Amino acid sequence: MITKTLPFLLAAALGLSTFVMAQTPATSAKAKPVSLTQQVQDLKATVLQLQKRVNYLEMLVPPSTAVLMPDARKLSSIRVNGATFLMSIDKPSGNAKGSDFILTVVNPQSITYTNIGFDIRVYGKEANGDPNAYKSAFLVSRITPALAPGQTTQFRFAVPGMSPEDFTAAYVASMTFGGIASPTAE
């Protein structure tokens, strides 16, 4: 007759293997330790997997700010309070006091947004990777009454004291809108 102890009865009741319960610290201590090289390889694989997940999540949620490069051939997506806008800037041109550029904004949705505000920081060549460059960047702002659905709208901004040759990038620091226009009653 086999005598069963309480731990073995609990293991059987929970559906656990009695083989696992029969292992003693002496038998589990005989396991070969994992080499440092293997641990590093495992960590590298984990980091790579996490990087892919972060990239995927960033793709799902468009940023609320964007860096706009002069004369870039692509539109940057900006998400503000559930609304998505597409933006780009043209190559800056010279004027008597510095330069100016055109900001192109596309409203790809079927909603009219009202009281849209833009704050854009313009960087010159002196910024060149300086993390504190935003402190000396030129700030341009504008409020426009509406962005119509499915339309492309262009805005001209002047940047005094910065020649077109020194103009490096524009950073959309913030974009806000006051509301959504309601359709007119007929």
N, C-alpha and C. Protein backbone atom coordinates (compact mmCIF):
# COMPACT_ATOMS: atom_id res chain seq x y z
N MET A 1 0.84 -1.17 0.00
CA MET A 1 0.00 0.00 0.00
C MET A 1 0.89 1.24 0.00
N ILE A 2 0.55 2.20 -0.85
CA ILE A 2 1.34 3.42 -0.99
C ILE A 2 0.75 4.48 -0.08
N THR A 3 1.61 5.12 0.68
CA THR A 3 1.17 6.18 1.57
C THR A 3 1.41 7.50 0.84
N LYS A 4 0.38 8.34 0.72
CA LYS A 4 0.50 9.62 0.04
C LYS A 4 0.49 10.73 1.08
N THR A 5 1.38 11.69 0.90
CA THR A 5 1.44 12.81 1.83
C THR A 5 0.56 13.95 1.32
N LEU A 6 0.32 14.92 2.17
CA LEU A 6 -0.55 16.06 1.84
C LEU A 6 -0.09 16.83 0.60
N PRO A 7 1.22 17.14 0.44
CA PRO A 7 1.63 17.86 -0.78
C PRO A 7 1.31 17.10 -2.06
N PHE A 8 1.46 15.77 -2.04
CA PHE A 8 1.16 14.99 -3.23
C PHE A 8 -0.34 14.96 -3.51
N LEU A 9 -1.15 14.92 -2.46
CA LEU A 9 -2.61 14.95 -2.64
C LEU A 9 -3.06 16.29 -3.22
N LEU A 10 -2.48 17.40 -2.71
CA LEU A 10 -2.82 18.73 -3.24
C LEU A 10 -2.40 18.86 -4.70
N ALA A 11 -1.22 18.35 -5.01
CA ALA A 11 -0.74 18.41 -6.39
C ALA A 11 -1.67 17.64 -7.31
N ALA A 12 -2.09 16.48 -6.89
CA ALA A 12 -2.99 15.66 -7.70
C ALA A 12 -4.34 16.35 -7.87
N ALA A 13 -4.83 16.99 -6.81
CA ALA A 13 -6.11 17.69 -6.87
C ALA A 13 -6.05 18.89 -7.82
N LEU A 14 -4.89 19.54 -7.88
CA LEU A 14 -4.72 20.70 -8.75
C LEU A 14 -4.29 20.31 -10.16
N GLY A 15 -4.10 19.04 -10.40
CA GLY A 15 -3.73 18.58 -11.74
C GLY A 15 -2.26 18.73 -12.02
N LEU A 16 -1.43 18.88 -10.98
CA LEU A 16 0.01 19.00 -11.19
C LEU A 16 0.63 17.63 -11.24
N SER A 17 1.72 17.55 -11.90
CA SER A 17 2.44 16.28 -11.99
C SER A 17 3.12 16.00 -10.67
N THR A 18 3.03 14.78 -10.21
CA THR A 18 3.71 14.41 -8.97
C THR A 18 5.20 14.31 -9.20
N PHE A 19 5.62 14.22 -10.48
CA PHE A 19 7.05 14.20 -10.77
C PHE A 19 7.70 15.52 -10.37
N VAL A 20 7.00 16.66 -10.66
CA VAL A 20 7.51 17.97 -10.28
C VAL A 20 7.61 18.07 -8.78
N MET A 21 6.64 17.53 -8.07
CA MET A 21 6.64 17.59 -6.62
C MET A 21 7.74 16.72 -6.02
N ALA A 22 8.13 15.68 -6.73
CA ALA A 22 9.13 14.76 -6.20
C ALA A 22 10.54 15.31 -6.32
N GLN A 23 10.76 16.38 -7.12
CA GLN A 23 12.09 16.94 -7.25
C GLN A 23 12.50 17.61 -5.95
N THR A 24 13.69 17.40 -5.58
CA THR A 24 14.22 18.02 -4.38
C THR A 24 15.16 19.14 -4.79
N PRO A 25 15.52 20.02 -3.86
CA PRO A 25 16.49 21.06 -4.20
C PRO A 25 17.79 20.49 -4.72
N ALA A 26 18.16 19.32 -4.27
CA ALA A 26 19.41 18.72 -4.73
C ALA A 26 19.34 18.37 -6.21
N THR A 27 18.17 17.89 -6.68
CA THR A 27 18.07 17.53 -8.10
C THR A 27 17.91 18.76 -8.98
N SER A 28 17.21 19.80 -8.51
CA SER A 28 17.03 21.00 -9.32
C SER A 28 18.30 21.85 -9.35
N ALA A 29 19.16 21.72 -8.33
CA ALA A 29 20.40 22.48 -8.30
C ALA A 29 21.41 21.95 -9.30
N LYS A 30 21.22 20.74 -9.78
CA LYS A 30 22.15 20.15 -10.74
C LYS A 30 21.98 20.72 -12.14
N ALA A 31 20.95 21.58 -12.35
CA ALA A 31 20.73 22.16 -13.67
C ALA A 31 21.93 23.02 -14.05
N LYS A 32 22.31 22.94 -15.31
CA LYS A 32 23.48 23.68 -15.80
C LYS A 32 23.16 25.17 -15.83
N PRO A 33 24.02 26.01 -15.26
CA PRO A 33 23.76 27.45 -15.30
C PRO A 33 23.88 27.98 -16.73
N VAL A 34 23.10 29.02 -17.02
CA VAL A 34 23.10 29.63 -18.35
C VAL A 34 24.32 30.53 -18.45
N SER A 35 25.05 30.41 -19.55
CA SER A 35 26.27 31.21 -19.73
C SER A 35 25.92 32.69 -19.91
N LEU A 36 26.87 33.52 -19.59
CA LEU A 36 26.69 34.96 -19.74
C LEU A 36 26.45 35.33 -21.21
N THR A 37 27.13 34.66 -22.11
CA THR A 37 26.94 34.89 -23.54
C THR A 37 25.51 34.59 -23.96
N GLN A 38 24.97 33.49 -23.45
CA GLN A 38 23.58 33.12 -23.77
C GLN A 38 22.60 34.14 -23.19
N GLN A 39 22.88 34.63 -21.98
CA GLN A 39 22.01 35.64 -21.36
C GLN A 39 21.99 36.92 -22.19
N VAL A 40 23.16 37.32 -22.68
CA VAL A 40 23.26 38.53 -23.51
C VAL A 40 22.49 38.33 -24.81
N GLN A 41 22.63 37.17 -25.42
CA GLN A 41 21.90 36.90 -26.66
C GLN A 41 20.39 36.92 -26.43
N ASP A 42 19.95 36.34 -25.31
CA ASP A 42 18.53 36.35 -24.98
C ASP A 42 18.02 37.78 -24.76
N LEU A 43 18.83 38.60 -24.08
CA LEU A 43 18.44 39.99 -23.85
C LEU A 43 18.38 40.78 -25.16
N LYS A 44 19.33 40.53 -26.05
CA LYS A 44 19.31 41.20 -27.36
C LYS A 44 18.05 40.84 -28.13
N ALA A 45 17.68 39.58 -28.09
CA ALA A 45 16.46 39.14 -28.78
C ALA A 45 15.23 39.81 -28.16
N THR A 46 15.20 39.93 -26.86
CA THR A 46 14.08 40.58 -26.17
C THR A 46 14.01 42.06 -26.53
N VAL A 47 15.16 42.74 -26.55
CA VAL A 47 15.19 44.16 -26.91
C VAL A 47 14.71 44.36 -28.34
N LEU A 48 15.14 43.50 -29.26
CA LEU A 48 14.71 43.59 -30.65
C LEU A 48 13.19 43.43 -30.76
N GLN A 49 12.65 42.47 -30.03
CA GLN A 49 11.21 42.25 -30.04
C GLN A 49 10.46 43.47 -29.47
N LEU A 50 10.98 44.05 -28.40
CA LEU A 50 10.35 45.24 -27.81
C LEU A 50 10.44 46.44 -28.74
N GLN A 51 11.57 46.59 -29.46
CA GLN A 51 11.70 47.68 -30.42
C GLN A 51 10.66 47.55 -31.53
N LYS A 52 10.42 46.34 -31.99
CA LYS A 52 9.41 46.13 -33.02
C LYS A 52 8.02 46.48 -32.51
N ARG A 53 7.74 46.14 -31.27
CA ARG A 53 6.44 46.48 -30.68
C ARG A 53 6.27 47.99 -30.54
N VAL A 54 7.32 48.69 -30.10
CA VAL A 54 7.25 50.14 -29.97
C VAL A 54 7.03 50.78 -31.34
N ASN A 55 7.77 50.32 -32.36
CA ASN A 55 7.59 50.85 -33.71
C ASN A 55 6.16 50.64 -34.19
N TYR A 56 5.60 49.50 -33.92
CA TYR A 56 4.22 49.21 -34.31
C TYR A 56 3.25 50.15 -33.59
N LEU A 57 3.44 50.35 -32.30
CA LEU A 57 2.55 51.24 -31.54
C LEU A 57 2.69 52.69 -32.00
N GLU A 58 3.91 53.12 -32.31
CA GLU A 58 4.10 54.47 -32.82
C GLU A 58 3.41 54.64 -34.16
N MET A 59 3.37 53.59 -34.95
CA MET A 59 2.71 53.65 -36.25
C MET A 59 1.19 53.81 -36.06
N LEU A 60 0.65 53.21 -35.01
CA LEU A 60 -0.79 53.28 -34.77
C LEU A 60 -1.25 54.66 -34.30
N VAL A 61 -0.39 55.35 -33.55
CA VAL A 61 -0.75 56.65 -32.99
C VAL A 61 0.13 57.72 -33.60
N PRO A 62 -0.38 58.46 -34.57
CA PRO A 62 0.43 59.51 -35.18
C PRO A 62 0.81 60.57 -34.15
N PRO A 63 1.96 61.18 -34.31
CA PRO A 63 2.40 62.19 -33.35
C PRO A 63 1.58 63.47 -33.43
N SER A 64 1.59 64.22 -32.32
CA SER A 64 0.87 65.49 -32.29
C SER A 64 1.78 66.65 -32.69
N THR A 65 3.02 66.36 -33.00
CA THR A 65 3.95 67.36 -33.50
C THR A 65 4.70 66.75 -34.67
N ALA A 66 5.39 67.59 -35.43
CA ALA A 66 6.13 67.06 -36.58
C ALA A 66 7.25 68.00 -36.96
N VAL A 67 8.30 67.43 -37.50
CA VAL A 67 9.39 68.21 -38.08
C VAL A 67 9.13 68.26 -39.57
N LEU A 68 9.10 69.48 -40.10
CA LEU A 68 8.84 69.68 -41.53
C LEU A 68 10.11 70.17 -42.20
N MET A 69 10.57 69.43 -43.18
CA MET A 69 11.78 69.79 -43.90
C MET A 69 11.40 70.56 -45.16
N PRO A 70 12.16 71.61 -45.47
CA PRO A 70 11.83 72.41 -46.66
C PRO A 70 11.85 71.57 -47.93
N ASP A 71 10.84 71.77 -48.73
CA ASP A 71 10.73 71.15 -50.04
C ASP A 71 10.72 69.62 -50.00
N ALA A 72 10.32 69.04 -48.86
CA ALA A 72 10.18 67.58 -48.77
C ALA A 72 8.98 67.18 -49.62
N ARG A 73 9.04 66.02 -50.20
CA ARG A 73 7.98 65.57 -51.10
C ARG A 73 6.91 64.76 -50.39
N LYS A 74 6.93 64.74 -49.05
CA LYS A 74 5.91 63.98 -48.35
C LYS A 74 5.19 64.86 -47.33
N LEU A 75 3.99 64.47 -47.02
CA LEU A 75 3.21 65.15 -46.00
C LEU A 75 3.41 64.45 -44.66
N SER A 76 3.53 65.23 -43.60
CA SER A 76 3.66 64.67 -42.25
C SER A 76 2.30 64.67 -41.59
N SER A 77 1.99 63.59 -40.90
CA SER A 77 0.71 63.45 -40.22
C SER A 77 0.81 64.01 -38.81
N ILE A 78 -0.19 64.80 -38.44
CA ILE A 78 -0.25 65.38 -37.10
C ILE A 78 -1.64 65.11 -36.55
N ARG A 79 -1.68 64.56 -35.34
CA ARG A 79 -2.95 64.21 -34.70
C ARG A 79 -3.19 65.15 -33.53
N VAL A 80 -4.37 65.80 -33.53
CA VAL A 80 -4.72 66.76 -32.49
C VAL A 80 -6.13 66.46 -32.00
N ASN A 81 -6.25 66.08 -30.77
CA ASN A 81 -7.56 65.83 -30.15
C ASN A 81 -8.48 64.99 -31.04
N GLY A 82 -7.97 63.93 -31.60
CA GLY A 82 -8.78 63.04 -32.43
C GLY A 82 -8.86 63.42 -33.90
N ALA A 83 -8.38 64.60 -34.25
CA ALA A 83 -8.38 65.04 -35.64
C ALA A 83 -6.99 64.81 -36.23
N THR A 84 -6.94 64.43 -37.49
CA THR A 84 -5.66 64.23 -38.17
C THR A 84 -5.53 65.23 -39.30
N PHE A 85 -4.37 65.86 -39.37
CA PHE A 85 -4.07 66.81 -40.44
C PHE A 85 -2.76 66.39 -41.08
N LEU A 86 -2.59 66.73 -42.35
CA LEU A 86 -1.36 66.46 -43.07
C LEU A 86 -0.69 67.78 -43.40
N MET A 87 0.63 67.88 -43.19
CA MET A 87 1.33 69.15 -43.37
C MET A 87 2.65 68.98 -44.09
N SER A 88 3.06 70.04 -44.76
CA SER A 88 4.39 70.13 -45.35
C SER A 88 4.73 71.61 -45.52
N ILE A 89 6.01 71.89 -45.75
CA ILE A 89 6.43 73.26 -46.06
C ILE A 89 7.20 73.23 -47.37
N ASP A 90 7.19 74.37 -48.06
CA ASP A 90 7.94 74.49 -49.30
C ASP A 90 9.34 75.01 -49.00
N LYS A 91 10.14 75.13 -50.03
CA LYS A 91 11.47 75.70 -49.89
C LYS A 91 11.31 77.19 -49.60
N PRO A 92 11.98 77.70 -48.56
CA PRO A 92 11.81 79.12 -48.22
C PRO A 92 12.35 80.03 -49.31
N SER A 93 11.74 81.20 -49.42
CA SER A 93 12.20 82.20 -50.39
C SER A 93 12.60 83.45 -49.62
N GLY A 94 13.44 84.24 -50.25
CA GLY A 94 13.94 85.45 -49.60
C GLY A 94 12.97 86.60 -49.70
N ASN A 95 13.00 87.47 -48.71
CA ASN A 95 12.26 88.73 -48.76
C ASN A 95 13.18 89.82 -48.19
N ALA A 96 12.71 91.06 -48.16
CA ALA A 96 13.54 92.18 -47.74
C ALA A 96 14.03 92.04 -46.30
N LYS A 97 13.30 91.35 -45.45
CA LYS A 97 13.67 91.25 -44.03
C LYS A 97 14.20 89.88 -43.61
N GLY A 98 14.23 88.92 -44.51
CA GLY A 98 14.69 87.58 -44.15
C GLY A 98 14.19 86.55 -45.14
N SER A 99 13.27 85.71 -44.70
CA SER A 99 12.71 84.70 -45.59
C SER A 99 11.26 84.44 -45.22
N ASP A 100 10.60 83.73 -46.11
CA ASP A 100 9.25 83.28 -45.80
C ASP A 100 9.05 81.90 -46.41
N PHE A 101 8.08 81.20 -45.88
CA PHE A 101 7.79 79.86 -46.36
C PHE A 101 6.29 79.66 -46.36
N ILE A 102 5.85 78.68 -47.12
CA ILE A 102 4.41 78.36 -47.19
C ILE A 102 4.18 77.03 -46.49
N LEU A 103 3.27 77.04 -45.55
CA LEU A 103 2.84 75.84 -44.86
C LEU A 103 1.59 75.33 -45.57
N THR A 104 1.63 74.07 -46.00
CA THR A 104 0.47 73.45 -46.64
C THR A 104 -0.18 72.53 -45.62
N VAL A 105 -1.49 72.72 -45.41
CA VAL A 105 -2.24 71.91 -44.46
C VAL A 105 -3.38 71.24 -45.22
N VAL A 106 -3.49 69.93 -45.07
CA VAL A 106 -4.56 69.17 -45.70
C VAL A 106 -5.47 68.64 -44.60
N ASN A 107 -6.77 68.87 -44.76
CA ASN A 107 -7.77 68.31 -43.85
C ASN A 107 -8.40 67.13 -44.60
N PRO A 108 -7.94 65.89 -44.32
CA PRO A 108 -8.42 64.75 -45.09
C PRO A 108 -9.79 64.22 -44.63
N GLN A 109 -10.37 64.86 -43.66
CA GLN A 109 -11.63 64.36 -43.11
C GLN A 109 -12.82 65.10 -43.71
N SER A 110 -14.00 64.67 -43.38
CA SER A 110 -15.20 65.30 -43.91
C SER A 110 -15.83 66.23 -42.88
N ILE A 111 -14.98 66.85 -42.06
CA ILE A 111 -15.43 67.75 -40.98
C ILE A 111 -14.72 69.09 -41.15
N THR A 112 -15.42 70.19 -40.94
CA THR A 112 -14.81 71.51 -40.93
C THR A 112 -14.37 71.83 -39.50
N TYR A 113 -13.09 72.13 -39.34
CA TYR A 113 -12.56 72.52 -38.03
C TYR A 113 -12.44 74.04 -37.98
N THR A 114 -12.76 74.63 -36.83
CA THR A 114 -12.76 76.08 -36.70
C THR A 114 -11.70 76.54 -35.70
N ASN A 115 -11.32 77.82 -35.85
CA ASN A 115 -10.35 78.48 -34.97
C ASN A 115 -9.09 77.64 -34.77
N ILE A 116 -8.41 77.37 -35.86
CA ILE A 116 -7.21 76.55 -35.82
C ILE A 116 -6.01 77.44 -35.53
N GLY A 117 -5.23 77.04 -34.55
CA GLY A 117 -4.03 77.78 -34.19
C GLY A 117 -2.78 76.95 -34.46
N PHE A 118 -1.76 77.59 -35.01
CA PHE A 118 -0.48 76.95 -35.29
C PHE A 118 0.62 77.68 -34.53
N ASP A 119 1.50 76.96 -33.90
CA ASP A 119 2.75 77.49 -33.34
C ASP A 119 3.86 76.68 -33.98
N ILE A 120 4.71 77.35 -34.73
CA ILE A 120 5.77 76.66 -35.47
C ILE A 120 7.11 77.30 -35.11
N ARG A 121 8.05 76.47 -34.74
CA ARG A 121 9.42 76.93 -34.46
C ARG A 121 10.27 76.67 -35.70
N VAL A 122 10.99 77.72 -36.12
CA VAL A 122 11.83 77.62 -37.31
C VAL A 122 13.29 77.59 -36.85
N TYR A 123 14.02 76.61 -37.37
CA TYR A 123 15.41 76.42 -36.99
C TYR A 123 16.34 76.78 -38.14
N GLY A 124 17.45 77.43 -37.79
CA GLY A 124 18.48 77.74 -38.75
C GLY A 124 19.60 76.72 -38.66
N LYS A 125 20.63 76.90 -39.48
CA LYS A 125 21.74 75.96 -39.52
C LYS A 125 22.50 75.90 -38.20
N GLU A 126 22.45 76.96 -37.40
CA GLU A 126 23.19 76.96 -36.14
C GLU A 126 22.63 75.94 -35.14
N ALA A 127 21.41 75.46 -35.34
CA ALA A 127 20.81 74.47 -34.43
C ALA A 127 21.60 73.17 -34.47
N ASN A 128 21.89 72.65 -35.64
CA ASN A 128 22.73 71.49 -35.91
C ASN A 128 22.88 70.50 -34.75
N GLY A 129 21.79 69.90 -34.33
CA GLY A 129 21.84 68.86 -33.30
C GLY A 129 21.88 69.36 -31.87
N ASP A 130 21.83 70.67 -31.66
CA ASP A 130 21.86 71.21 -30.31
C ASP A 130 20.52 70.96 -29.62
N PRO A 131 20.50 70.23 -28.48
CA PRO A 131 19.24 69.93 -27.81
C PRO A 131 18.55 71.16 -27.24
N ASN A 132 19.28 72.26 -27.09
CA ASN A 132 18.68 73.49 -26.56
C ASN A 132 18.34 74.49 -27.66
N ALA A 133 18.39 74.05 -28.90
CA ALA A 133 18.16 74.94 -30.04
C ALA A 133 16.75 75.54 -30.02
N TYR A 134 15.79 74.83 -29.43
CA TYR A 134 14.42 75.34 -29.40
C TYR A 134 14.33 76.68 -28.67
N LYS A 135 15.28 76.93 -27.77
CA LYS A 135 15.25 78.19 -27.00
C LYS A 135 15.52 79.40 -27.89
N SER A 136 16.31 79.18 -28.94
CA SER A 136 16.63 80.30 -29.84
C SER A 136 15.90 80.21 -31.17
N ALA A 137 15.07 79.21 -31.35
CA ALA A 137 14.32 79.07 -32.61
C ALA A 137 13.31 80.20 -32.73
N PHE A 138 13.07 80.60 -33.96
CA PHE A 138 12.10 81.66 -34.23
C PHE A 138 10.69 81.07 -34.20
N LEU A 139 9.81 81.67 -33.41
CA LEU A 139 8.43 81.18 -33.27
C LEU A 139 7.49 81.99 -34.16
N VAL A 140 6.76 81.30 -35.02
CA VAL A 140 5.72 81.93 -35.83
C VAL A 140 4.38 81.30 -35.44
N SER A 141 3.36 82.13 -35.38
CA SER A 141 2.03 81.66 -34.98
C SER A 141 0.97 82.21 -35.91
N ARG A 142 -0.14 81.52 -35.98
CA ARG A 142 -1.26 81.97 -36.80
C ARG A 142 -2.52 81.31 -36.30
N ILE A 143 -3.61 82.03 -36.38
CA ILE A 143 -4.94 81.47 -36.11
C ILE A 143 -5.76 81.71 -37.37
N THR A 144 -6.40 80.67 -37.84
CA THR A 144 -7.23 80.77 -39.03
C THR A 144 -8.65 80.36 -38.67
N PRO A 145 -9.66 80.97 -39.28
CA PRO A 145 -11.04 80.70 -38.87
C PRO A 145 -11.52 79.28 -39.14
N ALA A 146 -11.07 78.64 -40.23
CA ALA A 146 -11.61 77.31 -40.53
C ALA A 146 -10.71 76.55 -41.51
N LEU A 147 -10.76 75.22 -41.39
CA LEU A 147 -10.15 74.33 -42.38
C LEU A 147 -11.28 73.45 -42.91
N ALA A 148 -11.59 73.63 -44.18
CA ALA A 148 -12.72 72.93 -44.80
C ALA A 148 -12.39 71.46 -45.01
N PRO A 149 -13.42 70.63 -45.04
CA PRO A 149 -13.20 69.18 -45.22
C PRO A 149 -12.65 68.85 -46.60
N GLY A 150 -11.67 67.95 -46.62
CA GLY A 150 -11.11 67.48 -47.88
C GLY A 150 -10.34 68.54 -48.65
N GLN A 151 -9.99 69.63 -48.03
CA GLN A 151 -9.34 70.74 -48.73
C GLN A 151 -7.87 70.88 -48.33
N THR A 152 -7.10 71.46 -49.23
CA THR A 152 -5.72 71.83 -48.98
C THR A 152 -5.68 73.34 -48.82
N THR A 153 -5.08 73.80 -47.73
CA THR A 153 -4.99 75.24 -47.45
C THR A 153 -3.54 75.60 -47.26
N GLN A 154 -3.15 76.76 -47.80
CA GLN A 154 -1.76 77.20 -47.66
C GLN A 154 -1.70 78.50 -46.88
N PHE A 155 -0.65 78.60 -46.03
CA PHE A 155 -0.43 79.78 -45.21
C PHE A 155 1.01 80.23 -45.40
N ARG A 156 1.19 81.55 -45.58
CA ARG A 156 2.54 82.11 -45.72
C ARG A 156 2.99 82.64 -44.36
N PHE A 157 4.21 82.25 -43.97
CA PHE A 157 4.82 82.72 -42.73
C PHE A 157 6.11 83.44 -43.04
N ALA A 158 6.34 84.58 -42.41
CA ALA A 158 7.58 85.34 -42.57
C ALA A 158 8.51 85.02 -41.40
N VAL A 159 9.79 84.89 -41.72
CA VAL A 159 10.82 84.63 -40.70
C VAL A 159 11.88 85.72 -40.84
N PRO A 160 11.69 86.82 -40.11
CA PRO A 160 12.65 87.93 -40.23
C PRO A 160 14.03 87.54 -39.68
N GLY A 161 15.06 88.03 -40.36
CA GLY A 161 16.42 87.81 -39.89
C GLY A 161 17.01 86.45 -40.23
N MET A 162 16.29 85.61 -40.96
CA MET A 162 16.83 84.30 -41.34
C MET A 162 16.78 84.19 -42.86
N SER A 163 17.96 84.06 -43.46
CA SER A 163 18.02 83.94 -44.91
C SER A 163 17.52 82.56 -45.33
N PRO A 164 17.06 82.42 -46.56
CA PRO A 164 16.61 81.10 -47.04
C PRO A 164 17.72 80.04 -46.96
N GLU A 165 18.98 80.46 -47.10
CA GLU A 165 20.10 79.52 -47.03
C GLU A 165 20.28 78.98 -45.62
N ASP A 166 19.93 79.77 -44.61
CA ASP A 166 20.09 79.33 -43.22
C ASP A 166 18.88 78.54 -42.71
N PHE A 167 17.77 78.60 -43.41
CA PHE A 167 16.54 77.93 -42.99
C PHE A 167 16.77 76.41 -43.09
N THR A 168 16.65 75.71 -41.95
CA THR A 168 16.91 74.26 -41.94
C THR A 168 15.64 73.44 -41.82
N ALA A 169 14.79 73.78 -40.85
CA ALA A 169 13.58 72.98 -40.61
C ALA A 169 12.56 73.80 -39.84
N ALA A 170 11.32 73.35 -39.92
CA ALA A 170 10.24 73.94 -39.12
C ALA A 170 9.65 72.82 -38.27
N TYR A 171 9.40 73.13 -37.02
CA TYR A 171 8.87 72.15 -36.08
C TYR A 171 7.49 72.63 -35.64
N VAL A 172 6.47 71.84 -35.90
CA VAL A 172 5.11 72.20 -35.47
C VAL A 172 5.06 71.92 -33.97
N ALA A 173 5.21 72.99 -33.18
CA ALA A 173 5.26 72.84 -31.72
C ALA A 173 3.87 72.55 -31.15
N SER A 174 2.85 73.19 -31.72
CA SER A 174 1.49 72.90 -31.28
C SER A 174 0.51 73.28 -32.37
N MET A 175 -0.61 72.61 -32.32
CA MET A 175 -1.71 72.90 -33.23
C MET A 175 -2.99 72.67 -32.43
N THR A 176 -3.88 73.62 -32.44
CA THR A 176 -5.12 73.51 -31.69
C THR A 176 -6.28 73.89 -32.60
N PHE A 177 -7.46 73.45 -32.24
CA PHE A 177 -8.65 73.94 -32.93
C PHE A 177 -9.73 74.18 -31.91
N GLY A 178 -10.56 75.18 -32.21
CA GLY A 178 -11.58 75.59 -31.26
C GLY A 178 -12.84 74.75 -31.29
N GLY A 179 -13.15 74.17 -32.43
CA GLY A 179 -14.36 73.38 -32.51
C GLY A 179 -14.58 72.79 -33.88
N ILE A 180 -15.75 72.21 -34.01
CA ILE A 180 -16.16 71.61 -35.28
C ILE A 180 -17.39 72.37 -35.75
N ALA A 181 -17.35 72.79 -37.01
CA ALA A 181 -18.47 73.55 -37.55
C ALA A 181 -19.67 72.62 -37.75
N SER A 182 -20.82 73.08 -37.34
CA SER A 182 -22.01 72.27 -37.55
C SER A 182 -22.61 72.59 -38.92
N PRO A 183 -23.20 71.61 -39.57
CA PRO A 183 -23.79 71.87 -40.88
C PRO A 183 -24.95 72.85 -40.76
N THR A 184 -25.12 73.65 -41.78
CA THR A 184 -26.20 74.64 -41.75
C THR A 184 -27.53 73.95 -41.94
N ALA A 185 -28.51 74.42 -41.21
CA ALA A 185 -29.87 73.84 -41.32
C ALA A 185 -30.53 74.37 -42.58
N GLU A 186 -31.22 73.53 -43.29
CA GLU A 186 -31.90 73.98 -44.52
C GLU A 186 -33.38 74.10 -44.29
